[in-house]
Amino acid sequence: MRASAPFRVGLTGGIASGKSAAAAAFARRGVPVIDTDQLAREVVEPGQPALAAVVAEFGANLLGQDGRLDRRRLRALVFADAARRRRLEAILHPAIRAALAARIASVTAPYVVIAIPLLVESGLGDSVERVLAVDCPPALQLARLTARDGETGTAAAAILAAQASREQRLAAADDVLDNTGTLAALDAQVGALHERYLALAAAPRG
């Protein structure tokens, strides 16, 4: 058993900014990475209370023939409707928080990276002790998004517009990874931060 909880680093960034590449670089160094997107999928698996609550709120037509949530259909339903999105978040966020707390409690490493794409928007910032933002210009995000997912320029721009702005993320960040260059350059930055986080994890915390 650990004498204390692991130091918690929240990894965030806009869509197509390079969060997955950064998370992989930490994982290669033996750092546990908890993906809150994965937790969000787990809490709406068949039989989970959050799935029943989503169906009760938004309708059984969101379920596929296999009884699983059609996440794409749900996203389309709430994407352009702020009130519906808030109702969905009121269901999902408590379930995700509980799952996150359980996952953190199982960590035995000095520190853990928690990937929270919508950290600024979701209010999950209080789950971490330090915020690390992966940053690149919005124009580069758009180019990567259209190349990666085949989104049209208009759809990609709408996705970016629905997220926190670059300025909001940078204002919330304690550390920033510049992902305008190569993967090797990103990895080198992660290496430096790894040493810093090990030192922070070893220091006394109030």
N, C-alpha and C. Protein backbone atom coordinates (compact mmCIF):
# COMPACT_ATOMS: atom_id res chain seq x y z
N MET A 1 0.83 -1.20 0.00
CA MET A 1 0.00 0.00 0.00
C MET A 1 0.88 1.25 0.00
N ARG A 2 0.43 2.29 -0.70
CA ARG A 2 1.15 3.56 -0.69
C ARG A 2 0.91 4.27 0.63
N ALA A 3 1.94 5.01 1.04
CA ALA A 3 1.78 5.84 2.22
C ALA A 3 0.94 7.06 1.91
N SER A 4 0.95 7.49 0.65
CA SER A 4 0.17 8.66 0.27
C SER A 4 -0.29 8.49 -1.17
N ALA A 5 -1.23 9.33 -1.56
CA ALA A 5 -1.76 9.25 -2.92
C ALA A 5 -0.70 9.74 -3.91
N PRO A 6 -0.77 9.26 -5.15
CA PRO A 6 0.19 9.72 -6.16
C PRO A 6 -0.04 11.19 -6.52
N PHE A 7 1.01 11.86 -6.93
CA PHE A 7 0.91 13.21 -7.46
C PHE A 7 0.12 13.13 -8.76
N ARG A 8 -0.83 14.04 -8.96
CA ARG A 8 -1.76 13.95 -10.08
C ARG A 8 -1.54 15.08 -11.08
N VAL A 9 -1.20 14.71 -12.30
CA VAL A 9 -0.99 15.67 -13.38
C VAL A 9 -2.13 15.54 -14.38
N GLY A 10 -2.82 16.62 -14.65
CA GLY A 10 -3.90 16.61 -15.63
C GLY A 10 -3.37 17.02 -16.99
N LEU A 11 -3.51 16.14 -17.97
CA LEU A 11 -3.05 16.40 -19.34
C LEU A 11 -4.24 16.82 -20.18
N THR A 12 -4.14 17.99 -20.79
CA THR A 12 -5.27 18.48 -21.58
C THR A 12 -4.77 19.13 -22.86
N GLY A 13 -5.71 19.50 -23.70
CA GLY A 13 -5.39 20.13 -24.97
C GLY A 13 -6.58 20.02 -25.90
N GLY A 14 -6.63 20.88 -26.88
CA GLY A 14 -7.73 20.84 -27.83
C GLY A 14 -7.65 19.61 -28.70
N ILE A 15 -8.72 19.35 -29.43
CA ILE A 15 -8.76 18.19 -30.32
C ILE A 15 -7.63 18.29 -31.34
N ALA A 16 -6.97 17.16 -31.61
CA ALA A 16 -5.88 17.07 -32.59
C ALA A 16 -4.67 17.91 -32.21
N SER A 17 -4.52 18.19 -30.92
CA SER A 17 -3.35 18.95 -30.47
C SER A 17 -2.15 18.06 -30.20
N GLY A 18 -2.40 16.76 -29.98
CA GLY A 18 -1.31 15.84 -29.71
C GLY A 18 -1.32 15.24 -28.31
N LYS A 19 -2.50 15.21 -27.69
CA LYS A 19 -2.60 14.65 -26.33
C LYS A 19 -2.21 13.17 -26.29
N SER A 20 -2.66 12.42 -27.29
CA SER A 20 -2.36 10.99 -27.30
C SER A 20 -0.86 10.73 -27.43
N ALA A 21 -0.19 11.52 -28.27
CA ALA A 21 1.25 11.37 -28.42
C ALA A 21 1.97 11.71 -27.12
N ALA A 22 1.52 12.74 -26.43
CA ALA A 22 2.13 13.11 -25.16
C ALA A 22 1.89 12.03 -24.11
N ALA A 23 0.65 11.52 -24.05
CA ALA A 23 0.33 10.46 -23.09
C ALA A 23 1.20 9.24 -23.33
N ALA A 24 1.39 8.89 -24.62
CA ALA A 24 2.21 7.73 -24.96
C ALA A 24 3.66 7.93 -24.53
N ALA A 25 4.15 9.17 -24.62
CA ALA A 25 5.53 9.46 -24.22
C ALA A 25 5.70 9.28 -22.71
N PHE A 26 4.70 9.67 -21.93
CA PHE A 26 4.76 9.43 -20.49
C PHE A 26 4.68 7.93 -20.19
N ALA A 27 3.79 7.24 -20.90
CA ALA A 27 3.61 5.80 -20.66
C ALA A 27 4.90 5.04 -20.95
N ARG A 28 5.65 5.46 -21.97
CA ARG A 28 6.92 4.79 -22.29
C ARG A 28 7.92 4.92 -21.16
N ARG A 29 7.72 5.92 -20.31
CA ARG A 29 8.61 6.12 -19.16
C ARG A 29 8.07 5.44 -17.90
N GLY A 30 7.06 4.61 -18.08
CA GLY A 30 6.53 3.85 -16.96
C GLY A 30 5.52 4.60 -16.11
N VAL A 31 5.04 5.73 -16.62
CA VAL A 31 4.08 6.53 -15.87
C VAL A 31 2.67 6.01 -16.15
N PRO A 32 1.88 5.72 -15.13
CA PRO A 32 0.48 5.33 -15.37
C PRO A 32 -0.29 6.49 -16.01
N VAL A 33 -1.07 6.17 -17.03
CA VAL A 33 -1.90 7.18 -17.70
C VAL A 33 -3.35 6.73 -17.60
N ILE A 34 -4.18 7.58 -17.04
CA ILE A 34 -5.62 7.30 -16.96
C ILE A 34 -6.32 8.18 -17.97
N ASP A 35 -7.06 7.56 -18.87
CA ASP A 35 -7.75 8.27 -19.94
C ASP A 35 -9.21 8.47 -19.55
N THR A 36 -9.60 9.70 -19.30
CA THR A 36 -10.99 9.94 -18.86
C THR A 36 -11.98 9.69 -19.99
N ASP A 37 -11.54 9.77 -21.25
CA ASP A 37 -12.44 9.38 -22.35
C ASP A 37 -12.78 7.89 -22.25
N GLN A 38 -11.79 7.08 -21.89
CA GLN A 38 -12.04 5.66 -21.70
C GLN A 38 -12.99 5.43 -20.53
N LEU A 39 -12.77 6.18 -19.44
CA LEU A 39 -13.68 6.07 -18.29
C LEU A 39 -15.10 6.45 -18.70
N ALA A 40 -15.21 7.49 -19.54
CA ALA A 40 -16.54 7.93 -20.00
C ALA A 40 -17.24 6.83 -20.78
N ARG A 41 -16.46 6.04 -21.52
CA ARG A 41 -17.06 4.92 -22.24
C ARG A 41 -17.46 3.80 -21.28
N GLU A 42 -16.61 3.56 -20.28
CA GLU A 42 -16.88 2.47 -19.34
C GLU A 42 -18.12 2.72 -18.51
N VAL A 43 -18.38 3.97 -18.12
CA VAL A 43 -19.52 4.23 -17.23
C VAL A 43 -20.86 4.13 -17.95
N VAL A 44 -20.84 4.05 -19.29
CA VAL A 44 -22.11 3.87 -20.02
C VAL A 44 -22.17 2.51 -20.71
N GLU A 45 -21.37 1.56 -20.22
CA GLU A 45 -21.48 0.19 -20.70
C GLU A 45 -22.84 -0.39 -20.26
N PRO A 46 -23.35 -1.38 -20.98
CA PRO A 46 -24.62 -2.00 -20.57
C PRO A 46 -24.58 -2.47 -19.12
N GLY A 47 -25.65 -2.17 -18.40
CA GLY A 47 -25.74 -2.55 -17.00
C GLY A 47 -25.27 -1.47 -16.04
N GLN A 48 -24.61 -0.42 -16.54
CA GLN A 48 -24.14 0.65 -15.67
C GLN A 48 -25.26 1.65 -15.39
N PRO A 49 -25.34 2.16 -14.16
CA PRO A 49 -26.41 3.10 -13.82
C PRO A 49 -26.43 4.34 -14.72
N ALA A 50 -25.25 4.83 -15.13
CA ALA A 50 -25.22 6.04 -15.95
C ALA A 50 -25.88 5.80 -17.30
N LEU A 51 -25.77 4.60 -17.86
CA LEU A 51 -26.43 4.32 -19.14
C LEU A 51 -27.94 4.37 -18.96
N ALA A 52 -28.43 3.78 -17.89
CA ALA A 52 -29.88 3.82 -17.64
C ALA A 52 -30.36 5.26 -17.50
N ALA A 53 -29.55 6.10 -16.85
CA ALA A 53 -29.94 7.50 -16.66
C ALA A 53 -29.93 8.25 -17.99
N VAL A 54 -28.95 7.97 -18.84
CA VAL A 54 -28.90 8.62 -20.16
C VAL A 54 -30.11 8.22 -20.99
N VAL A 55 -30.46 6.95 -20.98
CA VAL A 55 -31.61 6.48 -21.76
C VAL A 55 -32.90 7.10 -21.23
N ALA A 56 -33.03 7.18 -19.90
CA ALA A 56 -34.22 7.78 -19.32
C ALA A 56 -34.36 9.24 -19.71
N GLU A 57 -33.23 9.93 -19.82
CA GLU A 57 -33.24 11.36 -20.12
C GLU A 57 -33.41 11.63 -21.62
N PHE A 58 -32.74 10.84 -22.46
CA PHE A 58 -32.68 11.18 -23.88
C PHE A 58 -33.35 10.18 -24.82
N GLY A 59 -33.77 9.03 -24.29
CA GLY A 59 -34.52 8.10 -25.12
C GLY A 59 -33.77 6.83 -25.49
N ALA A 60 -34.54 5.73 -25.61
CA ALA A 60 -33.96 4.42 -25.92
C ALA A 60 -33.47 4.33 -27.35
N ASN A 61 -33.84 5.29 -28.20
CA ASN A 61 -33.35 5.26 -29.59
C ASN A 61 -31.85 5.52 -29.67
N LEU A 62 -31.23 5.88 -28.55
CA LEU A 62 -29.78 6.07 -28.52
C LEU A 62 -29.03 4.74 -28.37
N LEU A 63 -29.78 3.66 -28.16
CA LEU A 63 -29.15 2.35 -28.01
C LEU A 63 -29.10 1.62 -29.34
N GLY A 64 -27.97 0.96 -29.59
CA GLY A 64 -27.86 0.12 -30.77
C GLY A 64 -28.54 -1.22 -30.53
N GLN A 65 -28.52 -2.07 -31.53
CA GLN A 65 -29.16 -3.38 -31.41
C GLN A 65 -28.48 -4.25 -30.35
N ASP A 66 -27.22 -3.95 -30.08
CA ASP A 66 -26.49 -4.72 -29.07
C ASP A 66 -26.69 -4.19 -27.66
N GLY A 67 -27.54 -3.15 -27.52
CA GLY A 67 -27.80 -2.58 -26.21
C GLY A 67 -26.78 -1.56 -25.75
N ARG A 68 -25.82 -1.29 -26.61
CA ARG A 68 -24.79 -0.31 -26.25
C ARG A 68 -25.18 1.08 -26.73
N LEU A 69 -24.63 2.08 -26.05
CA LEU A 69 -24.92 3.47 -26.39
C LEU A 69 -24.30 3.82 -27.73
N ASP A 70 -25.09 4.43 -28.59
CA ASP A 70 -24.58 4.96 -29.86
C ASP A 70 -24.01 6.34 -29.56
N ARG A 71 -22.71 6.37 -29.30
CA ARG A 71 -22.09 7.62 -28.85
C ARG A 71 -22.13 8.69 -29.93
N ARG A 72 -22.03 8.28 -31.18
CA ARG A 72 -22.08 9.28 -32.26
C ARG A 72 -23.44 9.94 -32.32
N ARG A 73 -24.49 9.14 -32.17
CA ARG A 73 -25.85 9.70 -32.19
C ARG A 73 -26.07 10.62 -30.99
N LEU A 74 -25.52 10.23 -29.84
CA LEU A 74 -25.65 11.07 -28.65
C LEU A 74 -24.92 12.40 -28.83
N ARG A 75 -23.70 12.33 -29.39
CA ARG A 75 -22.95 13.56 -29.63
C ARG A 75 -23.72 14.49 -30.56
N ALA A 76 -24.31 13.93 -31.60
CA ALA A 76 -25.08 14.75 -32.54
C ALA A 76 -26.27 15.40 -31.85
N LEU A 77 -26.85 14.69 -30.89
CA LEU A 77 -28.03 15.19 -30.18
C LEU A 77 -27.69 16.38 -29.28
N VAL A 78 -26.53 16.32 -28.62
CA VAL A 78 -26.22 17.34 -27.61
C VAL A 78 -25.24 18.40 -28.11
N PHE A 79 -24.57 18.13 -29.24
CA PHE A 79 -23.48 19.00 -29.66
C PHE A 79 -23.91 20.46 -29.79
N ALA A 80 -25.02 20.69 -30.47
CA ALA A 80 -25.45 22.05 -30.75
C ALA A 80 -26.49 22.56 -29.74
N ASP A 81 -26.72 21.82 -28.67
CA ASP A 81 -27.76 22.19 -27.70
C ASP A 81 -27.13 22.25 -26.31
N ALA A 82 -26.84 23.46 -25.85
CA ALA A 82 -26.12 23.64 -24.59
C ALA A 82 -26.91 23.08 -23.40
N ALA A 83 -28.23 23.22 -23.43
CA ALA A 83 -29.05 22.73 -22.31
C ALA A 83 -28.99 21.21 -22.23
N ARG A 84 -29.10 20.55 -23.38
CA ARG A 84 -28.99 19.09 -23.39
C ARG A 84 -27.60 18.64 -22.96
N ARG A 85 -26.58 19.38 -23.40
CA ARG A 85 -25.21 19.01 -23.03
C ARG A 85 -25.02 19.11 -21.52
N ARG A 86 -25.59 20.13 -20.92
CA ARG A 86 -25.48 20.27 -19.46
C ARG A 86 -26.21 19.13 -18.75
N ARG A 87 -27.37 18.70 -19.28
CA ARG A 87 -28.09 17.58 -18.66
C ARG A 87 -27.27 16.30 -18.77
N LEU A 88 -26.63 16.11 -19.91
CA LEU A 88 -25.79 14.93 -20.08
C LEU A 88 -24.60 14.97 -19.12
N GLU A 89 -23.98 16.12 -18.99
CA GLU A 89 -22.82 16.25 -18.10
C GLU A 89 -23.22 15.99 -16.65
N ALA A 90 -24.43 16.41 -16.28
CA ALA A 90 -24.89 16.19 -14.91
C ALA A 90 -25.04 14.70 -14.60
N ILE A 91 -25.26 13.90 -15.64
CA ILE A 91 -25.34 12.45 -15.46
C ILE A 91 -23.95 11.83 -15.46
N LEU A 92 -23.14 12.22 -16.44
CA LEU A 92 -21.87 11.53 -16.67
C LEU A 92 -20.75 11.96 -15.72
N HIS A 93 -20.65 13.24 -15.42
CA HIS A 93 -19.50 13.71 -14.66
C HIS A 93 -19.37 13.07 -13.27
N PRO A 94 -20.47 12.92 -12.50
CA PRO A 94 -20.32 12.24 -11.20
C PRO A 94 -19.85 10.80 -11.34
N ALA A 95 -20.34 10.10 -12.37
CA ALA A 95 -19.93 8.72 -12.59
C ALA A 95 -18.47 8.64 -12.99
N ILE A 96 -18.03 9.58 -13.83
CA ILE A 96 -16.63 9.60 -14.25
C ILE A 96 -15.73 9.95 -13.07
N ARG A 97 -16.16 10.90 -12.24
CA ARG A 97 -15.36 11.26 -11.06
C ARG A 97 -15.17 10.05 -10.13
N ALA A 98 -16.22 9.30 -9.92
CA ALA A 98 -16.14 8.14 -9.03
C ALA A 98 -15.19 7.09 -9.62
N ALA A 99 -15.31 6.85 -10.93
CA ALA A 99 -14.42 5.89 -11.58
C ALA A 99 -12.98 6.37 -11.54
N LEU A 100 -12.77 7.68 -11.72
CA LEU A 100 -11.43 8.25 -11.68
C LEU A 100 -10.81 8.10 -10.30
N ALA A 101 -11.58 8.38 -9.26
CA ALA A 101 -11.07 8.26 -7.90
C ALA A 101 -10.64 6.83 -7.60
N ALA A 102 -11.43 5.87 -8.06
CA ALA A 102 -11.09 4.46 -7.83
C ALA A 102 -9.81 4.09 -8.57
N ARG A 103 -9.64 4.60 -9.81
CA ARG A 103 -8.46 4.28 -10.59
C ARG A 103 -7.21 4.91 -9.96
N ILE A 104 -7.33 6.15 -9.50
CA ILE A 104 -6.19 6.82 -8.86
C ILE A 104 -5.77 6.06 -7.61
N ALA A 105 -6.75 5.58 -6.86
CA ALA A 105 -6.46 4.88 -5.60
C ALA A 105 -5.65 3.61 -5.83
N SER A 106 -5.72 3.07 -7.05
CA SER A 106 -5.01 1.82 -7.34
C SER A 106 -3.57 2.06 -7.83
N VAL A 107 -3.20 3.33 -8.05
CA VAL A 107 -1.87 3.64 -8.59
C VAL A 107 -0.81 3.53 -7.50
N THR A 108 0.30 2.88 -7.83
CA THR A 108 1.41 2.74 -6.87
C THR A 108 2.64 3.54 -7.30
N ALA A 109 2.59 4.17 -8.48
CA ALA A 109 3.71 4.96 -8.97
C ALA A 109 3.75 6.32 -8.26
N PRO A 110 4.90 7.03 -8.33
CA PRO A 110 5.00 8.33 -7.67
C PRO A 110 4.00 9.36 -8.19
N TYR A 111 3.78 9.32 -9.51
CA TYR A 111 2.78 10.26 -10.05
C TYR A 111 2.00 9.59 -11.18
N VAL A 112 0.85 10.17 -11.48
CA VAL A 112 -0.04 9.63 -12.50
C VAL A 112 -0.45 10.77 -13.43
N VAL A 113 -0.52 10.47 -14.71
CA VAL A 113 -1.02 11.43 -15.70
C VAL A 113 -2.48 11.10 -15.99
N ILE A 114 -3.33 12.08 -15.85
CA ILE A 114 -4.76 11.89 -16.10
C ILE A 114 -5.12 12.70 -17.34
N ALA A 115 -5.41 12.01 -18.43
CA ALA A 115 -5.75 12.69 -19.68
C ALA A 115 -7.20 13.15 -19.61
N ILE A 116 -7.39 14.47 -19.60
CA ILE A 116 -8.72 15.07 -19.51
C ILE A 116 -8.85 16.07 -20.66
N PRO A 117 -9.29 15.62 -21.83
CA PRO A 117 -9.34 16.53 -22.99
C PRO A 117 -10.09 17.83 -22.70
N LEU A 118 -11.21 17.72 -21.98
CA LEU A 118 -12.04 18.91 -21.70
C LEU A 118 -11.86 19.36 -20.26
N LEU A 119 -10.63 19.37 -19.78
CA LEU A 119 -10.38 19.73 -18.38
C LEU A 119 -10.92 21.11 -18.05
N VAL A 120 -10.66 22.07 -18.91
CA VAL A 120 -11.12 23.44 -18.65
C VAL A 120 -12.64 23.51 -18.66
N GLU A 121 -13.26 22.81 -19.63
CA GLU A 121 -14.71 22.89 -19.79
C GLU A 121 -15.47 22.05 -18.75
N SER A 122 -14.87 20.94 -18.29
CA SER A 122 -15.61 19.97 -17.48
C SER A 122 -15.61 20.26 -15.99
N GLY A 123 -14.70 21.12 -15.55
CA GLY A 123 -14.61 21.35 -14.12
C GLY A 123 -13.90 20.25 -13.37
N LEU A 124 -13.19 19.38 -14.11
CA LEU A 124 -12.44 18.30 -13.46
C LEU A 124 -11.05 18.74 -13.01
N GLY A 125 -10.76 20.02 -13.15
CA GLY A 125 -9.45 20.52 -12.77
C GLY A 125 -9.13 20.30 -11.30
N ASP A 126 -10.16 20.22 -10.45
CA ASP A 126 -9.89 20.01 -9.03
C ASP A 126 -9.50 18.57 -8.73
N SER A 127 -9.50 17.71 -9.76
CA SER A 127 -9.07 16.33 -9.57
C SER A 127 -7.54 16.19 -9.68
N VAL A 128 -6.86 17.27 -10.09
CA VAL A 128 -5.42 17.19 -10.32
C VAL A 128 -4.69 18.27 -9.52
N GLU A 129 -3.37 18.06 -9.38
CA GLU A 129 -2.54 19.02 -8.66
C GLU A 129 -1.74 19.91 -9.60
N ARG A 130 -1.63 19.50 -10.85
CA ARG A 130 -0.90 20.29 -11.83
C ARG A 130 -1.54 20.06 -13.19
N VAL A 131 -1.64 21.12 -13.98
CA VAL A 131 -2.26 21.05 -15.30
C VAL A 131 -1.19 21.19 -16.37
N LEU A 132 -1.15 20.22 -17.28
CA LEU A 132 -0.22 20.23 -18.40
C LEU A 132 -1.02 20.33 -19.69
N ALA A 133 -0.80 21.38 -20.45
CA ALA A 133 -1.53 21.58 -21.70
C ALA A 133 -0.63 21.30 -22.89
N VAL A 134 -1.14 20.53 -23.84
CA VAL A 134 -0.47 20.34 -25.11
C VAL A 134 -0.97 21.44 -26.04
N ASP A 135 -0.04 22.20 -26.60
CA ASP A 135 -0.43 23.40 -27.33
C ASP A 135 0.09 23.40 -28.76
N CYS A 136 -0.77 23.86 -29.66
CA CYS A 136 -0.37 24.17 -31.03
C CYS A 136 -1.38 25.17 -31.57
N PRO A 137 -1.04 25.89 -32.63
CA PRO A 137 -1.97 26.89 -33.16
C PRO A 137 -3.25 26.24 -33.69
N PRO A 138 -4.38 26.92 -33.58
CA PRO A 138 -5.64 26.37 -34.09
C PRO A 138 -5.58 25.96 -35.57
N ALA A 139 -4.82 26.70 -36.38
CA ALA A 139 -4.71 26.34 -37.80
C ALA A 139 -4.09 24.96 -37.97
N LEU A 140 -3.13 24.63 -37.10
CA LEU A 140 -2.50 23.31 -37.17
C LEU A 140 -3.47 22.24 -36.67
N GLN A 141 -4.25 22.56 -35.64
CA GLN A 141 -5.29 21.63 -35.19
C GLN A 141 -6.26 21.31 -36.32
N LEU A 142 -6.70 22.35 -37.02
CA LEU A 142 -7.66 22.15 -38.12
C LEU A 142 -7.06 21.25 -39.20
N ALA A 143 -5.81 21.50 -39.54
CA ALA A 143 -5.17 20.70 -40.58
C ALA A 143 -5.05 19.24 -40.15
N ARG A 144 -4.67 19.03 -38.89
CA ARG A 144 -4.54 17.66 -38.39
C ARG A 144 -5.90 16.97 -38.32
N LEU A 145 -6.92 17.71 -37.91
CA LEU A 145 -8.25 17.13 -37.74
C LEU A 145 -8.84 16.72 -39.07
N THR A 146 -8.69 17.56 -40.07
CA THR A 146 -9.23 17.21 -41.38
C THR A 146 -8.46 16.04 -41.99
N ALA A 147 -7.15 15.99 -41.75
CA ALA A 147 -6.35 14.88 -42.29
C ALA A 147 -6.62 13.59 -41.55
N ARG A 148 -6.80 13.68 -40.22
CA ARG A 148 -6.95 12.47 -39.39
C ARG A 148 -8.35 11.88 -39.49
N ASP A 149 -9.36 12.72 -39.37
CA ASP A 149 -10.74 12.23 -39.27
C ASP A 149 -11.56 12.46 -40.53
N GLY A 150 -10.97 13.13 -41.50
CA GLY A 150 -11.71 13.39 -42.72
C GLY A 150 -12.82 14.41 -42.56
N GLU A 151 -12.74 15.22 -41.50
CA GLU A 151 -13.76 16.24 -41.29
C GLU A 151 -13.64 17.33 -42.36
N THR A 152 -14.77 17.92 -42.73
CA THR A 152 -14.72 19.09 -43.60
C THR A 152 -14.18 20.26 -42.80
N GLY A 153 -13.72 21.27 -43.50
CA GLY A 153 -13.21 22.45 -42.80
C GLY A 153 -14.25 23.08 -41.91
N THR A 154 -15.50 23.12 -42.37
CA THR A 154 -16.57 23.73 -41.58
C THR A 154 -16.85 22.91 -40.32
N ALA A 155 -16.93 21.58 -40.46
CA ALA A 155 -17.19 20.72 -39.30
C ALA A 155 -16.05 20.79 -38.31
N ALA A 156 -14.82 20.79 -38.80
CA ALA A 156 -13.66 20.86 -37.92
C ALA A 156 -13.64 22.18 -37.15
N ALA A 157 -13.96 23.26 -37.83
CA ALA A 157 -13.99 24.57 -37.17
C ALA A 157 -15.07 24.60 -36.09
N ALA A 158 -16.21 23.95 -36.35
CA ALA A 158 -17.29 23.92 -35.36
C ALA A 158 -16.87 23.14 -34.11
N ILE A 159 -16.12 22.05 -34.32
CA ILE A 159 -15.64 21.26 -33.18
C ILE A 159 -14.70 22.10 -32.33
N LEU A 160 -13.78 22.82 -32.97
CA LEU A 160 -12.85 23.67 -32.22
C LEU A 160 -13.59 24.77 -31.48
N ALA A 161 -14.60 25.34 -32.14
CA ALA A 161 -15.34 26.45 -31.53
C ALA A 161 -16.10 26.01 -30.29
N ALA A 162 -16.47 24.72 -30.21
CA ALA A 162 -17.24 24.22 -29.07
C ALA A 162 -16.35 23.95 -27.86
N GLN A 163 -15.04 23.94 -28.07
CA GLN A 163 -14.11 23.68 -26.96
C GLN A 163 -13.61 25.00 -26.39
N ALA A 164 -12.93 24.88 -25.25
CA ALA A 164 -12.29 26.06 -24.67
C ALA A 164 -11.28 26.62 -25.67
N SER A 165 -11.06 27.91 -25.59
CA SER A 165 -10.11 28.53 -26.52
C SER A 165 -8.68 28.19 -26.11
N ARG A 166 -7.79 28.39 -27.05
CA ARG A 166 -6.36 28.18 -26.76
C ARG A 166 -5.94 29.04 -25.57
N GLU A 167 -6.40 30.27 -25.55
CA GLU A 167 -6.04 31.19 -24.47
C GLU A 167 -6.54 30.71 -23.12
N GLN A 168 -7.75 30.16 -23.08
CA GLN A 168 -8.30 29.64 -21.82
C GLN A 168 -7.50 28.45 -21.30
N ARG A 169 -7.10 27.56 -22.21
CA ARG A 169 -6.30 26.41 -21.79
C ARG A 169 -4.94 26.84 -21.27
N LEU A 170 -4.30 27.76 -21.98
CA LEU A 170 -2.98 28.22 -21.55
C LEU A 170 -3.06 28.94 -20.21
N ALA A 171 -4.15 29.66 -19.98
CA ALA A 171 -4.31 30.36 -18.71
C ALA A 171 -4.47 29.38 -17.55
N ALA A 172 -5.04 28.21 -17.84
CA ALA A 172 -5.26 27.21 -16.79
C ALA A 172 -4.04 26.33 -16.56
N ALA A 173 -3.06 26.39 -17.47
CA ALA A 173 -1.94 25.45 -17.45
C ALA A 173 -0.82 25.89 -16.50
N ASP A 174 -0.26 24.90 -15.80
CA ASP A 174 0.97 25.12 -15.04
C ASP A 174 2.20 24.86 -15.92
N ASP A 175 2.06 23.91 -16.85
CA ASP A 175 3.12 23.56 -17.79
C ASP A 175 2.52 23.44 -19.18
N VAL A 176 3.35 23.66 -20.19
CA VAL A 176 2.88 23.62 -21.58
C VAL A 176 3.85 22.79 -22.41
N LEU A 177 3.30 21.88 -23.21
CA LEU A 177 4.07 21.13 -24.21
C LEU A 177 3.81 21.76 -25.57
N ASP A 178 4.86 22.23 -26.22
CA ASP A 178 4.73 22.81 -27.55
C ASP A 178 4.77 21.69 -28.58
N ASN A 179 3.63 21.45 -29.24
CA ASN A 179 3.57 20.37 -30.21
C ASN A 179 3.43 20.90 -31.63
N THR A 180 4.26 21.88 -31.95
CA THR A 180 4.28 22.38 -33.32
C THR A 180 5.38 21.71 -34.14
N GLY A 181 6.24 20.95 -33.47
CA GLY A 181 7.37 20.33 -34.16
C GLY A 181 7.21 18.83 -34.34
N THR A 182 8.32 18.12 -34.21
CA THR A 182 8.35 16.67 -34.44
C THR A 182 7.96 15.91 -33.18
N LEU A 183 7.68 14.61 -33.35
CA LEU A 183 7.40 13.76 -32.21
C LEU A 183 8.62 13.64 -31.31
N ALA A 184 9.81 13.67 -31.91
CA ALA A 184 11.04 13.61 -31.12
C ALA A 184 11.16 14.85 -30.23
N ALA A 185 10.78 16.01 -30.76
CA ALA A 185 10.83 17.24 -29.97
C ALA A 185 9.83 17.18 -28.82
N LEU A 186 8.64 16.63 -29.10
CA LEU A 186 7.64 16.47 -28.05
C LEU A 186 8.14 15.52 -26.97
N ASP A 187 8.75 14.42 -27.40
CA ASP A 187 9.26 13.42 -26.45
C ASP A 187 10.32 14.02 -25.55
N ALA A 188 11.19 14.86 -26.10
CA ALA A 188 12.23 15.49 -25.29
C ALA A 188 11.63 16.39 -24.21
N GLN A 189 10.57 17.10 -24.56
CA GLN A 189 9.89 17.95 -23.57
C GLN A 189 9.26 17.09 -22.47
N VAL A 190 8.65 15.97 -22.87
CA VAL A 190 8.06 15.07 -21.88
C VAL A 190 9.14 14.53 -20.95
N GLY A 191 10.31 14.21 -21.50
CA GLY A 191 11.40 13.72 -20.66
C GLY A 191 11.79 14.70 -19.57
N ALA A 192 11.85 15.97 -19.93
CA ALA A 192 12.19 17.00 -18.94
C ALA A 192 11.10 17.14 -17.89
N LEU A 193 9.85 17.10 -18.34
CA LEU A 193 8.74 17.21 -17.39
C LEU A 193 8.67 15.99 -16.48
N HIS A 194 9.02 14.83 -17.01
CA HIS A 194 9.02 13.61 -16.20
C HIS A 194 9.92 13.78 -14.98
N GLU A 195 11.09 14.32 -15.20
CA GLU A 195 12.02 14.54 -14.08
C GLU A 195 11.43 15.56 -13.09
N ARG A 196 10.81 16.59 -13.62
CA ARG A 196 10.22 17.61 -12.75
C ARG A 196 9.08 17.01 -11.91
N TYR A 197 8.25 16.20 -12.54
CA TYR A 197 7.12 15.62 -11.81
C TYR A 197 7.57 14.60 -10.78
N LEU A 198 8.62 13.87 -11.07
CA LEU A 198 9.17 12.95 -10.06
C LEU A 198 9.63 13.73 -8.84
N ALA A 199 10.26 14.90 -9.09
CA ALA A 199 10.71 15.72 -7.96
C ALA A 199 9.53 16.29 -7.18
N LEU A 200 8.51 16.73 -7.90
CA LEU A 200 7.33 17.27 -7.22
C LEU A 200 6.63 16.19 -6.42
N ALA A 201 6.60 14.97 -6.97
CA ALA A 201 5.94 13.87 -6.26
C ALA A 201 6.69 13.51 -4.99
N ALA A 202 8.01 13.69 -5.00
CA ALA A 202 8.83 13.34 -3.83
C ALA A 202 8.79 14.42 -2.76
N ALA A 203 8.40 15.62 -3.13
CA ALA A 203 8.38 16.74 -2.17
C ALA A 203 7.18 16.63 -1.25
N PRO A 204 7.30 17.15 -0.04
CA PRO A 204 6.14 17.13 0.87
C PRO A 204 4.98 17.92 0.28
N ARG A 205 3.78 17.39 0.45
CA ARG A 205 2.58 18.06 -0.06
C ARG A 205 1.61 18.28 1.08
N GLY A 206 1.00 19.45 1.06
CA GLY A 206 0.05 19.75 2.11
C GLY A 206 -1.31 19.14 1.86
